[in-house]
Amino acid sequence: MSTYLVSDIHGQYQAFQKALQDASFAPRQGTSLYVLGDMIDRGPQSKDVLLFLLELRQQYPAQVFLLKGNHEQMLEDWLSRRGDAENYLRFNGGDATVRSFLGHHPLRRAFAVGGLPSPAIQEEARQEILARYPFLLSALSSLPLYMELPADERTGSPAVLLVHAGIRPGVPLTQQNPHDLLWIRQEFYDEYTGELPIVFGHTPVPKLPGYRGNGPWRREQLVGIDGGAAFRRGVLLVEWPSLQFIFVPIHDVQPYPLVHVNG
């Protein structure tokens, strides 16, 4: 019964599906999947990734676990009329997510790349999305910010903390600022010296210190697994605790037949 970790899929549904297929992912047979946030934004099939994973979690609640990333938080804020709409839609790829949820609705054209629709158009789109997907806002708001996995003597797996971006070094986990858990970068991976292993995403592995290759980034107790799908690099699926990996470059899978996990 394998355990797989993935982060920062960013709407690259086809690459993600190919990674699952290559891993022979089978939750019905006990395989587990932990997704460390940023399922959406920037990529063209953000809706498909998010709805697929929400449905998969509903089917296999003991095998599939989803964490919140900063992009899920930004979508939640936009749907709730909070946050900076321009920052989300223009600079963080939220326009791609809105387009994917609107489908063929005429409003889709207003969310062209680089544009910022008027507040009235945004509200109309927001209402359309929430009417189509009434569960979406509650699903986003209920995503946990981190998860602690206990040690497993049977597999030799150590205890590990799973979190999207990282933690503020020196601050107890229960006192962490949610903004840090979703957004922190260099202060975390440069300064963390704790004994608890931490697996994180958010910062693409090529941007982490000393990284080479295609697999996860490692340094002492830290493991980075963001494969860079947000920037059309690839999706990185990592087995825990072996850290064996499957890396699917984005350019290798377009077009790629959609695969649905049913076993």
Protein backbone atom coordinates (compact mmCIF):
# COMPACT_ATOMS: atom_id res chain seq x y z
CA MET A 1 0.00 0.00 0.00
CA SER A 2 1.95 2.98 -1.30
CA THR A 3 1.63 6.59 -0.19
CA TYR A 4 2.06 9.35 -2.77
CA LEU A 5 2.57 13.08 -2.28
CA VAL A 6 1.99 15.80 -4.87
CA SER A 7 1.76 19.57 -4.79
CA ASP A 8 1.13 22.52 -7.10
CA ILE A 9 -0.71 20.79 -9.92
CA HIS A 10 -1.99 24.20 -11.03
CA GLY A 11 -4.67 23.04 -13.42
CA GLN A 12 -2.41 20.69 -15.40
CA TYR A 13 -4.93 17.88 -15.33
CA GLN A 14 -3.49 15.79 -18.13
CA ALA A 15 0.01 15.69 -16.64
CA PHE A 16 -1.45 14.86 -13.24
CA GLN A 17 -3.55 12.04 -14.70
CA LYS A 18 -0.51 10.62 -16.48
CA ALA A 19 1.48 10.69 -13.22
CA LEU A 20 -1.29 8.74 -11.47
CA GLN A 21 -1.47 6.28 -14.33
CA ASP A 22 2.31 5.78 -14.36
CA ALA A 23 2.20 5.11 -10.61
CA SER A 24 -0.65 2.59 -11.02
CA PHE A 25 -2.51 4.64 -8.43
CA ALA A 26 -5.31 2.48 -6.98
CA PRO A 27 -7.03 3.86 -3.87
CA ARG A 28 -9.43 0.91 -3.77
CA GLN A 29 -6.39 -1.25 -3.10
CA GLY A 30 -5.18 0.98 -0.27
CA THR A 31 -2.92 3.43 -2.08
CA SER A 32 -2.98 6.86 -0.43
CA LEU A 33 -2.62 10.31 -1.98
CA TYR A 34 -1.82 13.58 -0.19
CA VAL A 35 -2.16 16.79 -2.20
CA LEU A 36 -0.32 19.74 -0.65
CA GLY A 37 -2.37 22.54 -2.18
CA ASP A 38 -2.36 24.71 -5.31
CA MET A 39 -4.56 22.39 -7.30
CA ILE A 40 -5.78 25.37 -9.32
CA ASP A 41 -4.81 28.61 -11.15
CA ARG A 42 -2.51 29.33 -14.10
CA GLY A 43 -3.27 26.00 -15.81
CA PRO A 44 -6.16 25.56 -18.27
CA GLN A 45 -7.99 22.72 -16.48
CA SER A 46 -8.11 24.02 -12.94
CA LYS A 47 -11.78 23.10 -12.52
CA ASP A 48 -11.08 19.54 -13.69
CA VAL A 49 -8.24 19.05 -11.22
CA LEU A 50 -10.16 20.43 -8.26
CA LEU A 51 -13.45 18.63 -8.95
CA PHE A 52 -11.65 15.37 -9.71
CA LEU A 53 -9.81 15.49 -6.39
CA LEU A 54 -12.88 16.51 -4.38
CA GLU A 55 -14.81 13.60 -5.89
CA LEU A 56 -11.91 11.22 -5.33
CA ARG A 57 -11.70 12.29 -1.69
CA GLN A 58 -15.43 11.71 -1.30
CA GLN A 59 -15.09 8.21 -2.74
CA TYR A 60 -11.96 7.32 -0.74
CA PRO A 61 -11.90 9.46 2.42
CA ALA A 62 -9.38 7.16 4.11
CA GLN A 63 -6.95 7.31 1.18
CA VAL A 64 -7.19 10.81 -0.34
CA PHE A 65 -6.31 13.99 1.58
CA LEU A 66 -6.27 17.56 0.31
CA LEU A 67 -4.51 20.54 1.90
CA LYS A 68 -5.08 24.22 1.20
CA GLY A 69 -2.55 26.22 -0.77
CA ASN A 70 -2.33 29.95 -1.24
CA HIS A 71 -4.18 29.64 -4.55
CA GLU A 72 -7.14 27.86 -2.98
CA GLN A 73 -7.17 30.64 -0.39
CA MET A 74 -7.18 33.30 -3.11
CA LEU A 75 -10.07 31.62 -4.93
CA GLU A 76 -11.98 31.33 -1.67
CA ASP A 77 -11.35 35.01 -0.98
CA TRP A 78 -12.48 36.02 -4.47
CA LEU A 79 -15.66 33.97 -4.23
CA SER A 80 -16.29 35.55 -0.81
CA ARG A 81 -15.66 39.09 -2.12
CA ARG A 82 -12.50 39.40 -0.06
CA GLY A 83 -8.86 39.90 -0.95
CA ASP A 84 -7.27 41.69 -3.90
CA ALA A 85 -9.12 40.72 -7.07
CA GLU A 86 -6.54 42.30 -9.37
CA ASN A 87 -3.69 40.45 -7.67
CA TYR A 88 -5.56 37.16 -7.98
CA LEU A 89 -6.98 37.48 -11.49
CA ARG A 90 -4.14 39.31 -13.25
CA PHE A 91 -0.98 38.24 -11.47
CA ASN A 92 -1.67 34.85 -9.88
CA GLY A 93 -3.51 32.98 -12.61
CA GLY A 94 -6.99 33.20 -11.13
CA ASP A 95 -8.33 34.18 -14.54
CA ALA A 96 -7.60 30.65 -15.80
CA THR A 97 -9.59 29.13 -12.95
CA VAL A 98 -12.56 31.43 -13.48
CA ARG A 99 -12.55 30.63 -17.21
CA SER A 100 -12.45 26.91 -16.52
CA PHE A 101 -15.43 27.13 -14.14
CA LEU A 102 -17.42 29.29 -16.56
CA GLY A 103 -16.98 26.82 -19.41
CA HIS A 104 -18.73 28.11 -22.53
CA HIS A 105 -20.63 30.86 -20.73
CA PRO A 106 -20.30 34.24 -22.55
CA LEU A 107 -18.80 35.75 -19.40
CA ARG A 108 -15.68 33.68 -20.04
CA ARG A 109 -14.46 36.19 -22.64
CA ALA A 110 -14.26 38.94 -20.01
CA PHE A 111 -11.57 37.01 -18.15
CA ALA A 112 -9.00 37.12 -20.92
CA VAL A 113 -5.35 36.71 -19.98
CA GLY A 114 -3.99 39.95 -18.53
CA GLY A 115 -7.35 41.65 -18.29
CA LEU A 116 -9.35 42.70 -15.25
CA PRO A 117 -13.14 42.64 -15.61
CA SER A 118 -15.20 45.31 -13.93
CA PRO A 119 -16.52 44.62 -10.41
CA ALA A 120 -19.99 44.10 -11.90
CA ILE A 121 -18.74 41.46 -14.37
CA GLN A 122 -16.77 39.76 -11.61
CA GLU A 123 -19.89 39.61 -9.45
CA GLU A 124 -21.92 38.14 -12.30
CA ALA A 125 -19.26 35.49 -12.87
CA ARG A 126 -19.03 34.78 -9.15
CA GLN A 127 -22.78 34.25 -8.94
CA GLU A 128 -22.75 32.00 -12.00
CA ILE A 129 -19.99 29.80 -10.59
CA LEU A 130 -21.57 29.50 -7.15
CA ALA A 131 -24.93 28.67 -8.70
CA ARG A 132 -23.37 25.87 -10.76
CA TYR A 133 -21.16 24.60 -7.94
CA PRO A 134 -22.91 25.43 -4.64
CA PHE A 135 -20.52 23.22 -2.67
CA LEU A 136 -17.38 24.98 -3.89
CA LEU A 137 -16.99 27.68 -1.27
CA SER A 138 -17.52 25.36 1.69
CA ALA A 139 -15.15 22.79 0.14
CA LEU A 140 -12.39 25.40 -0.14
CA SER A 141 -12.90 26.84 3.33
CA SER A 142 -12.77 23.40 4.95
CA LEU A 143 -9.36 22.45 3.53
CA PRO A 144 -6.79 22.06 6.34
CA LEU A 145 -3.60 24.13 6.34
CA TYR A 146 -1.33 21.27 7.39
CA MET A 147 -1.38 17.61 8.30
CA GLU A 148 0.85 15.57 10.59
CA LEU A 149 1.45 11.95 9.66
CA PRO A 150 2.58 9.68 12.51
CA ALA A 151 5.52 7.33 12.25
CA ASP A 152 4.69 3.90 10.83
CA GLU A 153 6.83 1.09 12.20
CA ARG A 154 5.42 -1.31 9.62
CA THR A 155 6.78 0.68 6.68
CA GLY A 156 9.62 2.45 8.46
CA SER A 157 8.08 5.80 7.67
CA PRO A 158 9.04 8.58 10.10
CA ALA A 159 6.58 11.13 11.42
CA VAL A 160 6.27 14.00 8.97
CA LEU A 161 4.55 17.37 8.63
CA LEU A 162 2.82 18.11 5.32
CA VAL A 163 2.24 21.79 4.57
CA HIS A 164 1.87 23.87 1.44
CA ALA A 165 4.57 26.52 1.84
CA GLY A 166 6.36 25.84 5.12
CA ILE A 167 6.42 27.12 8.69
CA ARG A 168 7.95 30.05 10.51
CA PRO A 169 11.08 28.60 12.23
CA GLY A 170 11.00 28.84 16.01
CA VAL A 171 7.21 29.20 16.24
CA PRO A 172 5.15 26.29 17.64
CA LEU A 173 2.96 24.67 15.03
CA THR A 174 -0.26 25.58 16.83
CA GLN A 175 0.81 29.26 16.86
CA GLN A 176 1.80 29.52 13.19
CA ASN A 177 0.33 32.39 11.19
CA PRO A 178 -1.88 30.91 8.42
CA HIS A 179 -0.30 33.37 5.98
CA ASP A 180 3.12 31.79 6.61
CA LEU A 181 1.77 28.26 6.12
CA LEU A 182 0.47 29.35 2.71
CA TRP A 183 3.09 31.84 1.50
CA ILE A 184 6.45 31.59 3.31
CA ARG A 185 9.54 30.83 1.26
CA GLN A 186 13.18 31.58 1.96
CA GLU A 187 12.85 32.25 5.70
CA PHE A 188 11.56 28.69 6.00
CA TYR A 189 13.80 26.60 3.78
CA ASP A 190 16.96 28.58 4.64
CA GLU A 191 16.46 28.67 8.40
CA TYR A 192 14.51 25.59 9.48
CA THR A 193 16.62 23.33 11.73
CA GLY A 194 13.94 21.30 13.50
CA GLU A 195 13.98 17.55 13.92
CA LEU A 196 10.55 16.91 12.42
CA PRO A 197 10.69 16.14 8.67
CA ILE A 198 8.61 18.54 6.59
CA VAL A 199 7.37 18.00 3.05
CA PHE A 200 6.25 21.18 1.29
CA GLY A 201 5.37 22.66 -2.08
CA HIS A 202 4.81 26.29 -3.14
CA THR A 203 8.39 27.00 -4.22
CA PRO A 204 9.27 25.14 -7.44
CA VAL A 205 12.17 22.79 -6.87
CA PRO A 206 14.44 24.48 -9.48
CA LYS A 207 14.28 27.63 -7.34
CA LEU A 208 15.40 25.87 -4.15
CA PRO A 209 19.08 26.09 -3.13
CA GLY A 210 21.41 23.69 -4.92
CA TYR A 211 18.72 21.78 -6.78
CA ARG A 212 19.65 19.53 -9.69
CA GLY A 213 17.64 16.91 -11.54
CA ASN A 214 13.94 16.16 -11.89
CA GLY A 215 13.00 14.70 -8.51
CA PRO A 216 12.20 16.24 -5.13
CA TRP A 217 14.56 18.69 -3.44
CA ARG A 218 16.15 17.45 -0.21
CA ARG A 219 18.10 19.12 2.55
CA GLU A 220 18.37 17.56 6.00
CA GLN A 221 14.77 17.27 7.25
CA LEU A 222 13.16 19.18 4.37
CA VAL A 223 11.68 17.80 1.16
CA GLY A 224 10.33 20.11 -1.58
CA ILE A 225 7.97 18.60 -4.13
CA ASP A 226 6.64 21.48 -6.29
CA GLY A 227 7.50 20.28 -9.81
CA GLY A 228 6.87 23.68 -11.38
CA ALA A 229 3.60 22.98 -13.18
CA ALA A 230 2.59 26.61 -12.64
CA PHE A 231 5.36 27.59 -15.06
CA ARG A 232 4.75 24.69 -17.47
CA ARG A 233 7.65 22.60 -16.16
CA GLY A 234 5.96 19.46 -14.83
CA VAL A 235 4.01 17.54 -12.21
CA LEU A 236 6.04 15.69 -9.59
CA LEU A 237 4.49 12.68 -7.82
CA VAL A 238 6.61 11.43 -4.91
CA GLU A 239 6.31 8.19 -2.98
CA TRP A 240 6.69 8.48 0.78
CA PRO A 241 9.01 7.67 2.50
CA SER A 242 11.23 6.27 -0.30
CA LEU A 243 11.14 9.57 -2.27
CA GLN A 244 11.03 7.61 -5.49
CA PHE A 245 9.26 9.83 -7.96
CA ILE A 246 7.44 10.19 -11.24
CA PHE A 247 7.99 13.45 -13.11
CA VAL A 248 5.70 14.30 -16.02
CA PRO A 249 6.81 17.31 -18.10
CA ILE A 250 3.90 19.42 -19.27
CA HIS A 251 5.07 19.43 -22.89
CA ASP A 252 4.99 15.62 -22.98
CA VAL A 253 1.24 15.28 -22.40
CA GLN A 254 -0.59 17.69 -24.68
CA PRO A 255 -2.84 16.40 -25.96
CA TYR A 256 -3.19 13.41 -23.65
CA PRO A 257 -6.33 11.25 -23.18
CA LEU A 258 -8.09 11.91 -19.90
CA VAL A 259 -7.92 9.01 -17.46
CA HIS A 260 -10.31 8.48 -14.56
CA VAL A 261 -9.19 6.53 -11.51
CA ASN A 262 -11.66 3.75 -10.79
CA GLY A 263 -9.64 1.24 -8.87
